[in-house]
C-alpha atoms as a PDB file:
ATOM      1  CA  MET A   1      -0.063  -0.026  -0.019  1.00  0.00           C
ATOM      2  CA  THR A   2       1.627   3.230  -1.102  1.00  0.00           C
ATOM      3  CA  SER A   3       1.526   6.066   1.287  1.00  0.00           C
ATOM      4  CA  THR A   4       1.459   9.841   0.672  1.00  0.00           C
ATOM      5  CA  ALA A   5       3.021  10.650   4.103  1.00  0.00           C
ATOM      6  CA  ALA A   6       5.635  13.367   4.004  1.00  0.00           C
ATOM      7  CA  SER A   7       7.635  12.040   6.960  1.00  0.00           C
ATOM      8  CA  ALA A   8       8.501   8.812   8.641  1.00  0.00           C
ATOM      9  CA  GLN A   9       6.493   9.725  11.802  1.00  0.00           C
ATOM     10  CA  GLU A  10       3.501  10.640   9.639  1.00  0.00           C
ATOM     11  CA  TYR A  11       3.787   7.216   7.907  1.00  0.00           C
ATOM     12  CA  LEU A  12       3.876   5.408  11.252  1.00  0.00           C
ATOM     13  CA  ASP A  13       0.979   7.545  12.590  1.00  0.00           C
ATOM     14  CA  SER A  14      -1.145   6.558   9.532  1.00  0.00           C
ATOM     15  CA  LEU A  15      -0.699   2.807  10.056  1.00  0.00           C
ATOM     16  CA  PRO A  16      -3.527   0.586  11.588  1.00  0.00           C
ATOM     17  CA  ALA A  17      -3.144  -0.196  15.164  1.00  0.00           C
ATOM     18  CA  ASP A  18      -2.182  -3.814  14.570  1.00  0.00           C
ATOM     19  CA  ARG A  19       0.865  -2.778  12.505  1.00  0.00           C
ATOM     20  CA  LYS A  20       2.225   0.175  14.412  1.00  0.00           C
ATOM     21  CA  SER A  21       4.074  -1.868  17.119  1.00  0.00           C
ATOM     22  CA  ALA A  22       5.748  -4.212  14.679  1.00  0.00           C
ATOM     23  CA  MET A  23       6.793  -1.390  12.269  1.00  0.00           C
ATOM     24  CA  SER A  24       8.080   0.732  15.172  1.00  0.00           C
ATOM     25  CA  GLN A  25      10.176  -2.212  16.481  1.00  0.00           C
ATOM     26  CA  LEU A  26      11.564  -2.923  12.951  1.00  0.00           C
ATOM     27  CA  ARG A  27      12.350   0.825  12.526  1.00  0.00           C
ATOM     28  CA  ASP A  28      14.225   0.868  15.906  1.00  0.00           C
ATOM     29  CA  THR A  29      16.113  -2.212  14.886  1.00  0.00           C
ATOM     30  CA  ILE A  30      17.215  -0.642  11.586  1.00  0.00           C
ATOM     31  CA  PHE A  31      18.262   2.525  13.349  1.00  0.00           C
ATOM     32  CA  LYS A  32      20.435   0.532  15.907  1.00  0.00           C
ATOM     33  CA  ASN A  33      22.158  -1.173  13.042  1.00  0.00           C
ATOM     34  CA  LEU A  34      22.264   1.366  10.296  1.00  0.00           C
ATOM     35  CA  PRO A  35      25.737   2.618   9.430  1.00  0.00           C
ATOM     36  CA  GLU A  36      26.577   6.083  10.607  1.00  0.00           C
ATOM     37  CA  GLY A  37      25.665   8.725   8.045  1.00  0.00           C
ATOM     38  CA  PHE A  38      22.896   6.761   6.356  1.00  0.00           C
ATOM     39  CA  SER A  39      19.610   8.688   6.376  1.00  0.00           C
ATOM     40  CA  GLU A  40      15.852   7.980   6.864  1.00  0.00           C
ATOM     41  CA  GLY A  41      13.273   9.433   4.586  1.00  0.00           C
ATOM     42  CA  MET A  42      10.115   8.556   2.578  1.00  0.00           C
ATOM     43  CA  ALA A  43      10.887   6.866  -0.788  1.00  0.00           C
ATOM     44  CA  TYR A  44       8.339   5.290  -3.150  1.00  0.00           C
ATOM     45  CA  GLY A  45       5.577   5.603  -0.431  1.00  0.00           C
ATOM     46  CA  MET A  46       7.674   3.594   2.067  1.00  0.00           C
ATOM     47  CA  LEU A  47      10.150   4.280   4.842  1.00  0.00           C
ATOM     48  CA  GLY A  48      13.493   4.496   3.125  1.00  0.00           C
ATOM     49  CA  TYR A  49      17.101   4.319   4.283  1.00  0.00           C
ATOM     50  CA  ALA A  50      19.793   5.494   1.930  1.00  0.00           C
ATOM     51  CA  VAL A  51      23.502   5.670   1.379  1.00  0.00           C
ATOM     52  CA  PRO A  52      24.535   9.407   1.416  1.00  0.00           C
ATOM     53  CA  HIS A  53      26.314  10.940  -1.471  1.00  0.00           C
ATOM     54  CA  SER A  54      29.234  11.568   0.822  1.00  0.00           C
ATOM     55  CA  TYR A  55      29.819   7.740   0.859  1.00  0.00           C
ATOM     56  CA  TYR A  56      28.686   7.086  -2.635  1.00  0.00           C
ATOM     57  CA  PRO A  57      28.789  10.158  -4.796  1.00  0.00           C
ATOM     58  CA  ALA A  58      27.446   8.482  -7.968  1.00  0.00           C
ATOM     59  CA  GLY A  59      24.014   8.220  -6.221  1.00  0.00           C
ATOM     60  CA  TYR A  60      21.195   6.022  -7.515  1.00  0.00           C
ATOM     61  CA  HIS A  61      21.792   4.912 -11.114  1.00  0.00           C
ATOM     62  CA  CYS A  62      18.233   5.778 -12.218  1.00  0.00           C
ATOM     63  CA  ASP A  63      18.556   9.346 -10.812  1.00  0.00           C
ATOM     64  CA  PRO A  64      22.016  10.291  -9.652  1.00  0.00           C
ATOM     65  CA  LYS A  65      20.620  13.277  -7.670  1.00  0.00           C
ATOM     66  CA  GLN A  66      18.977  10.721  -5.337  1.00  0.00           C
ATOM     67  CA  PRO A  67      21.108   8.920  -2.694  1.00  0.00           C
ATOM     68  CA  LEU A  68      21.575   5.171  -3.232  1.00  0.00           C
ATOM     69  CA  PRO A  69      18.679   3.139  -1.693  1.00  0.00           C
ATOM     70  CA  PHE A  70      19.801   0.683   0.954  1.00  0.00           C
ATOM     71  CA  VAL A  71      16.728  -0.613   2.865  1.00  0.00           C
ATOM     72  CA  SER A  72      12.950   0.113   2.580  1.00  0.00           C
ATOM     73  CA  LEU A  73      10.326  -0.892   5.180  1.00  0.00           C
ATOM     74  CA  ALA A  74       6.593  -0.924   4.196  1.00  0.00           C
ATOM     75  CA  SER A  75       3.331  -2.058   5.632  1.00  0.00           C
ATOM     76  CA  GLN A  76       1.666  -3.741   2.652  1.00  0.00           C
ATOM     77  CA  LYS A  77      -1.952  -4.942   2.439  1.00  0.00           C
ATOM     78  CA  ASN A  78      -1.264  -8.399   4.005  1.00  0.00           C
ATOM     79  CA  PHE A  79       2.240  -8.245   5.285  1.00  0.00           C
ATOM     80  CA  ILE A  80       5.103  -6.097   6.399  1.00  0.00           C
ATOM     81  CA  ALA A  81       7.947  -5.957   3.848  1.00  0.00           C
ATOM     82  CA  LEU A  82      11.634  -5.315   4.297  1.00  0.00           C
ATOM     83  CA  TYR A  83      13.250  -4.573   0.976  1.00  0.00           C
ATOM     84  CA  HIS A  84      17.095  -4.847   1.137  1.00  0.00           C
ATOM     85  CA  MET A  85      19.143  -3.268  -1.659  1.00  0.00           C
ATOM     86  CA  GLY A  86      22.494  -3.804  -0.115  1.00  0.00           C
ATOM     87  CA  LEU A  87      23.949  -5.822  -3.069  1.00  0.00           C
ATOM     88  CA  THR A  88      24.121  -2.806  -5.450  1.00  0.00           C
ATOM     89  CA  ALA A  89      27.496  -2.965  -7.130  1.00  0.00           C
END
């Protein structure tokens, strides 16, 4: 389910009650293990975590102005999804 939330907190606040706890716990776990300098934001209607241009100046190959996506977290219709793009070469 794509969200139009402008921030991570707005995204979490918009979730159904049965998803908020699990999504918050996953988000906290990601934050605890995310490399320093990586950033959180909204990307493609999901919570997105990205490699900053200071680490990877080339950026995302589809749009070099965007930072390189690393992990996304989403509450889909029937499940919670964790999309990991850490194998980008």
